Amino acid sequence: MALLGAQATQDPEALYNRVCMAKLMQHVTQGFKAMPPRGLCMDCSTEDYQAINELMVSKPGR
């Protein structure tokens, strides 16, 4: 059971994956280093980026 709104850590890998995906989405939407915010696609939705990220993560090396 998590206390005070903390993430439950019964599954550390799932927690790590959630945190990594959240950070990736932050970098995509806000930009990171030389990457512009939203990859300069202002018409793309957060859901579009999330779907692309999930696809890339599910098929590494392709």
PDB file of N, CA and C in Angstrom:
ATOM      1  N   MET A   1       0.845  -1.177   0.000  1.00  0.00           N
ATOM      2  CA  MET A   1       0.000   0.000   0.000  1.00  0.00           C
ATOM      3  C   MET A   1       0.884   1.231   0.000  1.00  0.00           C
ATOM      4  N   ALA A   2       0.551   2.198  -0.825  1.00  0.00           N
ATOM      5  CA  ALA A   2       1.315   3.440  -0.901  1.00  0.00           C
ATOM      6  C   ALA A   2       0.779   4.444   0.111  1.00  0.00           C
ATOM      7  N   LEU A   3       1.672   5.182   0.695  1.00  0.00           N
ATOM      8  CA  LEU A   3       1.299   6.182   1.685  1.00  0.00           C
ATOM      9  C   LEU A   3       1.475   7.583   1.115  1.00  0.00           C
ATOM     10  N   LEU A   4       0.580   8.478   1.510  1.00  0.00           N
ATOM     11  CA  LEU A   4       0.684   9.888   1.141  1.00  0.00           C
ATOM     12  C   LEU A   4       0.829  10.114  -0.358  1.00  0.00           C
ATOM     13  N   GLY A   5       0.153   9.310  -1.145  1.00  0.00           N
ATOM     14  CA  GLY A   5       0.156   9.480  -2.592  1.00  0.00           C
ATOM     15  C   GLY A   5       1.391   8.955  -3.299  1.00  0.00           C
ATOM     16  N   ALA A   6       2.265   8.255  -2.583  1.00  0.00           N
ATOM     17  CA  ALA A   6       3.472   7.704  -3.203  1.00  0.00           C
ATOM     18  C   ALA A   6       3.101   6.529  -4.104  1.00  0.00           C
ATOM     19  N   GLN A   7       3.916   6.296  -5.120  1.00  0.00           N
ATOM     20  CA  GLN A   7       3.691   5.167  -6.016  1.00  0.00           C
ATOM     21  C   GLN A   7       3.941   3.857  -5.273  1.00  0.00           C
ATOM     22  N   ALA A   8       3.081   2.884  -5.489  1.00  0.00           N
ATOM     23  CA  ALA A   8       3.301   1.552  -4.924  1.00  0.00           C
ATOM     24  C   ALA A   8       4.470   0.910  -5.671  1.00  0.00           C
ATOM     25  N   THR A   9       5.316   0.193  -4.972  1.00  0.00           N
ATOM     26  CA  THR A   9       6.506  -0.375  -5.616  1.00  0.00           C
ATOM     27  C   THR A   9       6.495  -1.899  -5.617  1.00  0.00           C
ATOM     28  N   GLN A  10       5.323  -2.517  -5.609  1.00  0.00           N
ATOM     29  CA  GLN A  10       5.271  -3.973  -5.677  1.00  0.00           C
ATOM     30  C   GLN A  10       5.854  -4.464  -6.992  1.00  0.00           C
ATOM     31  N   ASP A  11       5.772  -3.654  -8.023  1.00  0.00           N
ATOM     32  CA  ASP A  11       6.313  -4.015  -9.334  1.00  0.00           C
ATOM     33  C   ASP A  11       7.278  -2.913  -9.771  1.00  0.00           C
ATOM     34  N   PRO A  12       8.532  -2.992  -9.326  1.00  0.00           N
ATOM     35  CA  PRO A  12       9.495  -1.930  -9.638  1.00  0.00           C
ATOM     36  C   PRO A  12       9.693  -1.699 -11.134  1.00  0.00           C
ATOM     37  N   GLU A  13       9.624  -2.757 -11.935  1.00  0.00           N
ATOM     38  CA  GLU A  13       9.805  -2.593 -13.382  1.00  0.00           C
ATOM     39  C   GLU A  13       8.667  -1.774 -13.986  1.00  0.00           C
ATOM     40  N   ALA A  14       7.442  -2.034 -13.554  1.00  0.00           N
ATOM     41  CA  ALA A  14       6.297  -1.271 -14.056  1.00  0.00           C
ATOM     42  C   ALA A  14       6.414   0.198 -13.651  1.00  0.00           C
ATOM     43  N   LEU A  15       6.845   0.438 -12.430  1.00  0.00           N
ATOM     44  CA  LEU A  15       7.034   1.811 -11.961  1.00  0.00           C
ATOM     45  C   LEU A  15       8.111   2.502 -12.796  1.00  0.00           C
ATOM     46  N   TYR A  16       9.219   1.822 -13.030  1.00  0.00           N
ATOM     47  CA  TYR A  16      10.312   2.378 -13.837  1.00  0.00           C
ATOM     48  C   TYR A  16       9.814   2.710 -15.242  1.00  0.00           C
ATOM     49  N   ASN A  17       9.053   1.810 -15.848  1.00  0.00           N
ATOM     50  CA  ASN A  17       8.533   2.041 -17.199  1.00  0.00           C
ATOM     51  C   ASN A  17       7.600   3.239 -17.244  1.00  0.00           C
ATOM     52  N   ARG A  18       6.740   3.382 -16.227  1.00  0.00           N
ATOM     53  CA  ARG A  18       5.832   4.535 -16.167  1.00  0.00           C
ATOM     54  C   ARG A  18       6.610   5.834 -16.049  1.00  0.00           C
ATOM     55  N   VAL A  19       7.609   5.848 -15.188  1.00  0.00           N
ATOM     56  CA  VAL A  19       8.412   7.055 -14.986  1.00  0.00           C
ATOM     57  C   VAL A  19       9.166   7.405 -16.265  1.00  0.00           C
ATOM     58  N   CYS A  20       9.755   6.406 -16.921  1.00  0.00           N
ATOM     59  CA  CYS A  20      10.496   6.647 -18.164  1.00  0.00           C
ATOM     60  C   CYS A  20       9.577   7.176 -19.259  1.00  0.00           C
ATOM     61  N   MET A  21       8.395   6.597 -19.404  1.00  0.00           N
ATOM     62  CA  MET A  21       7.461   7.047 -20.431  1.00  0.00           C
ATOM     63  C   MET A  21       6.997   8.473 -20.137  1.00  0.00           C
ATOM     64  N   ALA A  22       6.763   8.784 -18.868  1.00  0.00           N
ATOM     65  CA  ALA A  22       6.348  10.139 -18.499  1.00  0.00           C
ATOM     66  C   ALA A  22       7.449  11.141 -18.834  1.00  0.00           C
ATOM     67  N   LYS A  23       8.688  10.791 -18.558  1.00  0.00           N
ATOM     68  CA  LYS A  23       9.818  11.679 -18.856  1.00  0.00           C
ATOM     69  C   LYS A  23       9.980  11.837 -20.364  1.00  0.00           C
ATOM     70  N   LEU A  24       9.830  10.752 -21.108  1.00  0.00           N
ATOM     71  CA  LEU A  24       9.916  10.815 -22.562  1.00  0.00           C
ATOM     72  C   LEU A  24       8.837  11.744 -23.117  1.00  0.00           C
ATOM     73  N   MET A  25       7.616  11.616 -22.622  1.00  0.00           N
ATOM     74  CA  MET A  25       6.524  12.479 -23.078  1.00  0.00           C
ATOM     75  C   MET A  25       6.804  13.941 -22.734  1.00  0.00           C
ATOM     76  N   GLN A  26       7.406  14.178 -21.592  1.00  0.00           N
ATOM     77  CA  GLN A  26       7.770  15.547 -21.214  1.00  0.00           C
ATOM     78  C   GLN A  26       8.781  16.115 -22.214  1.00  0.00           C
ATOM     79  N   HIS A  27       9.783  15.330 -22.572  1.00  0.00           N
ATOM     80  CA  HIS A  27      10.786  15.790 -23.531  1.00  0.00           C
ATOM     81  C   HIS A  27      10.162  16.026 -24.907  1.00  0.00           C
ATOM     82  N   VAL A  28       9.251  15.163 -25.322  1.00  0.00           N
ATOM     83  CA  VAL A  28       8.608  15.321 -26.630  1.00  0.00           C
ATOM     84  C   VAL A  28       7.774  16.596 -26.663  1.00  0.00           C
ATOM     85  N   THR A  29       6.971  16.825 -25.645  1.00  0.00           N
ATOM     86  CA  THR A  29       6.065  17.970 -25.672  1.00  0.00           C
ATOM     87  C   THR A  29       6.752  19.294 -25.362  1.00  0.00           C
ATOM     88  N   GLN A  30       7.802  19.266 -24.537  1.00  0.00           N
ATOM     89  CA  GLN A  30       8.470  20.510 -24.146  1.00  0.00           C
ATOM     90  C   GLN A  30       9.777  20.750 -24.896  1.00  0.00           C
ATOM     91  N   GLY A  31      10.262  19.735 -25.584  1.00  0.00           N
ATOM     92  CA  GLY A  31      11.556  19.834 -26.247  1.00  0.00           C
ATOM     93  C   GLY A  31      12.660  19.383 -25.305  1.00  0.00           C
ATOM     94  N   PHE A  32      13.807  19.032 -25.873  1.00  0.00           N
ATOM     95  CA  PHE A  32      14.942  18.585 -25.067  1.00  0.00           C
ATOM     96  C   PHE A  32      16.210  18.824 -25.859  1.00  0.00           C
ATOM     97  N   LYS A  33      17.112  19.582 -25.273  1.00  0.00           N
ATOM     98  CA  LYS A  33      18.374  19.956 -25.927  1.00  0.00           C
ATOM     99  C   LYS A  33      18.073  20.512 -27.317  1.00  0.00           C
ATOM    100  N   ALA A  34      18.571  19.900 -28.384  1.00  0.00           N
ATOM    101  CA  ALA A  34      18.373  20.442 -29.733  1.00  0.00           C
ATOM    102  C   ALA A  34      17.010  20.085 -30.327  1.00  0.00           C
ATOM    103  N   MET A  35      16.253  19.212 -29.670  1.00  0.00           N
ATOM    104  CA  MET A  35      14.943  18.812 -30.191  1.00  0.00           C
ATOM    105  C   MET A  35      13.906  19.886 -29.857  1.00  0.00           C
ATOM    106  N   PRO A  36      13.218  20.415 -30.861  1.00  0.00           N
ATOM    107  CA  PRO A  36      12.209  21.442 -30.592  1.00  0.00           C
ATOM    108  C   PRO A  36      10.962  20.838 -29.947  1.00  0.00           C
ATOM    109  N   PRO A  37      10.199  21.658 -29.228  1.00  0.00           N
ATOM    110  CA  PRO A  37       8.956  21.159 -28.635  1.00  0.00           C
ATOM    111  C   PRO A  37       8.042  20.550 -29.699  1.00  0.00           C
ATOM    112  N   ARG A  38       7.463  19.423 -29.345  1.00  0.00           N
ATOM    113  CA  ARG A  38       6.495  18.712 -30.184  1.00  0.00           C
ATOM    114  C   ARG A  38       7.076  18.326 -31.543  1.00  0.00           C
ATOM    115  N   GLY A  39       8.388  18.348 -31.686  1.00  0.00           N
ATOM    116  CA  GLY A  39       9.009  18.003 -32.962  1.00  0.00           C
ATOM    117  C   GLY A  39       8.541  18.906 -34.090  1.00  0.00           C
ATOM    118  N   LEU A  40       8.119  20.105 -33.736  1.00  0.00           N
ATOM    119  CA  LEU A  40       7.578  21.110 -34.653  1.00  0.00           C
ATOM    120  C   LEU A  40       6.253  20.694 -35.287  1.00  0.00           C
ATOM    121  N   CYS A  41       5.597  19.683 -34.751  1.00  0.00           N
ATOM    122  CA  CYS A  41       4.276  19.266 -35.244  1.00  0.00           C
ATOM    123  C   CYS A  41       3.221  19.763 -34.261  1.00  0.00           C
ATOM    124  N   MET A  42       2.751  20.974 -34.473  1.00  0.00           N
ATOM    125  CA  MET A  42       1.787  21.559 -33.548  1.00  0.00           C
ATOM    126  C   MET A  42       0.385  20.969 -33.724  1.00  0.00           C
ATOM    127  N   ASP A  43       0.169  20.239 -34.819  1.00  0.00           N
ATOM    128  CA  ASP A  43      -1.123  19.588 -35.036  1.00  0.00           C
ATOM    129  C   ASP A  43      -1.196  18.219 -34.374  1.00  0.00           C
ATOM    130  N   CYS A  44      -0.051  17.657 -33.985  1.00  0.00           N
ATOM    131  CA  CYS A  44      -0.017  16.335 -33.357  1.00  0.00           C
ATOM    132  C   CYS A  44      -0.502  16.436 -31.914  1.00  0.00           C
ATOM    133  N   SER A  45      -1.324  15.488 -31.516  1.00  0.00           N
ATOM    134  CA  SER A  45      -1.850  15.482 -30.146  1.00  0.00           C
ATOM    135  C   SER A  45      -0.919  14.698 -29.228  1.00  0.00           C
ATOM    136  N   THR A  46      -1.113  14.880 -27.946  1.00  0.00           N
ATOM    137  CA  THR A  46      -0.353  14.113 -26.961  1.00  0.00           C
ATOM    138  C   THR A  46      -0.604  12.630 -27.164  1.00  0.00           C
ATOM    139  N   GLU A  47      -1.835  12.258 -27.523  1.00  0.00           N
ATOM    140  CA  GLU A  47      -2.164  10.855 -27.769  1.00  0.00           C
ATOM    141  C   GLU A  47      -1.396  10.318 -28.976  1.00  0.00           C
ATOM    142  N   ASP A  48      -1.219  11.156 -30.008  1.00  0.00           N
ATOM    143  CA  ASP A  48      -0.428  10.745 -31.175  1.00  0.00           C
ATOM    144  C   ASP A  48       1.001  10.408 -30.755  1.00  0.00           C
ATOM    145  N   TYR A  49       1.599  11.294 -29.989  1.00  0.00           N
ATOM    146  CA  TYR A  49       2.977  11.069 -29.539  1.00  0.00           C
ATOM    147  C   TYR A  49       3.067   9.849 -28.635  1.00  0.00           C
ATOM    148  N   GLN A  50       2.074   9.685 -27.775  1.00  0.00           N
ATOM    149  CA  GLN A  50       2.080   8.537 -26.868  1.00  0.00           C
ATOM    150  C   GLN A  50       2.015   7.229 -27.661  1.00  0.00           C
ATOM    151  N   ALA A  51       1.170   7.184 -28.675  1.00  0.00           N
ATOM    152  CA  ALA A  51       1.043   5.979 -29.502  1.00  0.00           C
ATOM    153  C   ALA A  51       2.349   5.685 -30.244  1.00  0.00           C
ATOM    154  N   ILE A  52       2.985   6.721 -30.774  1.00  0.00           N
ATOM    155  CA  ILE A  52       4.254   6.526 -31.478  1.00  0.00           C
ATOM    156  C   ILE A  52       5.323   6.024 -30.524  1.00  0.00           C
ATOM    157  N   ASN A  53       5.397   6.633 -29.339  1.00  0.00           N
ATOM    158  CA  ASN A  53       6.398   6.209 -28.352  1.00  0.00           C
ATOM    159  C   ASN A  53       6.185   4.760 -27.940  1.00  0.00           C
ATOM    160  N   GLU A  54       4.936   4.372 -27.701  1.00  0.00           N
ATOM    161  CA  GLU A  54       4.648   2.993 -27.308  1.00  0.00           C
ATOM    162  C   GLU A  54       5.020   2.021 -28.426  1.00  0.00           C
ATOM    163  N   LEU A  55       4.776   2.404 -29.670  1.00  0.00           N
ATOM    164  CA  LEU A  55       5.151   1.559 -30.806  1.00  0.00           C
ATOM    165  C   LEU A  55       6.670   1.394 -30.873  1.00  0.00           C
ATOM    166  N   MET A  56       7.400   2.491 -30.735  1.00  0.00           N
ATOM    167  CA  MET A  56       8.868   2.413 -30.804  1.00  0.00           C
ATOM    168  C   MET A  56       9.439   1.591 -29.656  1.00  0.00           C
ATOM    169  N   VAL A  57       8.880   1.732 -28.470  1.00  0.00           N
ATOM    170  CA  VAL A  57       9.371   0.983 -27.311  1.00  0.00           C
ATOM    171  C   VAL A  57       9.066  -0.505 -27.460  1.00  0.00           C
ATOM    172  N   SER A  58       7.928  -0.837 -28.074  1.00  0.00           N
ATOM    173  CA  SER A  58       7.537  -2.242 -28.207  1.00  0.00           C
ATOM    174  C   SER A  58       8.334  -2.969 -29.291  1.00  0.00           C
ATOM    175  N   LYS A  59       8.998  -2.224 -30.189  1.00  0.00           N
ATOM    176  CA  LYS A  59       9.746  -2.835 -31.293  1.00  0.00           C
ATOM    177  C   LYS A  59      11.154  -2.248 -31.359  1.00  0.00           C
ATOM    178  N   PRO A  60      11.965  -2.510 -30.338  1.00  0.00           N
ATOM    179  CA  PRO A  60      13.314  -1.939 -30.351  1.00  0.00           C
ATOM    180  C   PRO A  60      14.176  -2.515 -31.470  1.00  0.00           C
ATOM    181  N   GLY A  61      15.035  -1.679 -32.025  1.00  0.00           N
ATOM    182  CA  GLY A  61      15.971  -2.139 -33.042  1.00  0.00           C
ATOM    183  C   GLY A  61      15.394  -2.283 -34.431  1.00  0.00           C
ATOM    184  N   ARG A  62      14.180  -1.857 -34.641  1.00  0.00           N
ATOM    185  CA  ARG A  62      13.570  -1.969 -35.982  1.00  0.00           C
ATOM    186  C   ARG A  62      13.516  -0.634 -36.643  1.00  0.00           C
TER     187      ARG A  62
END
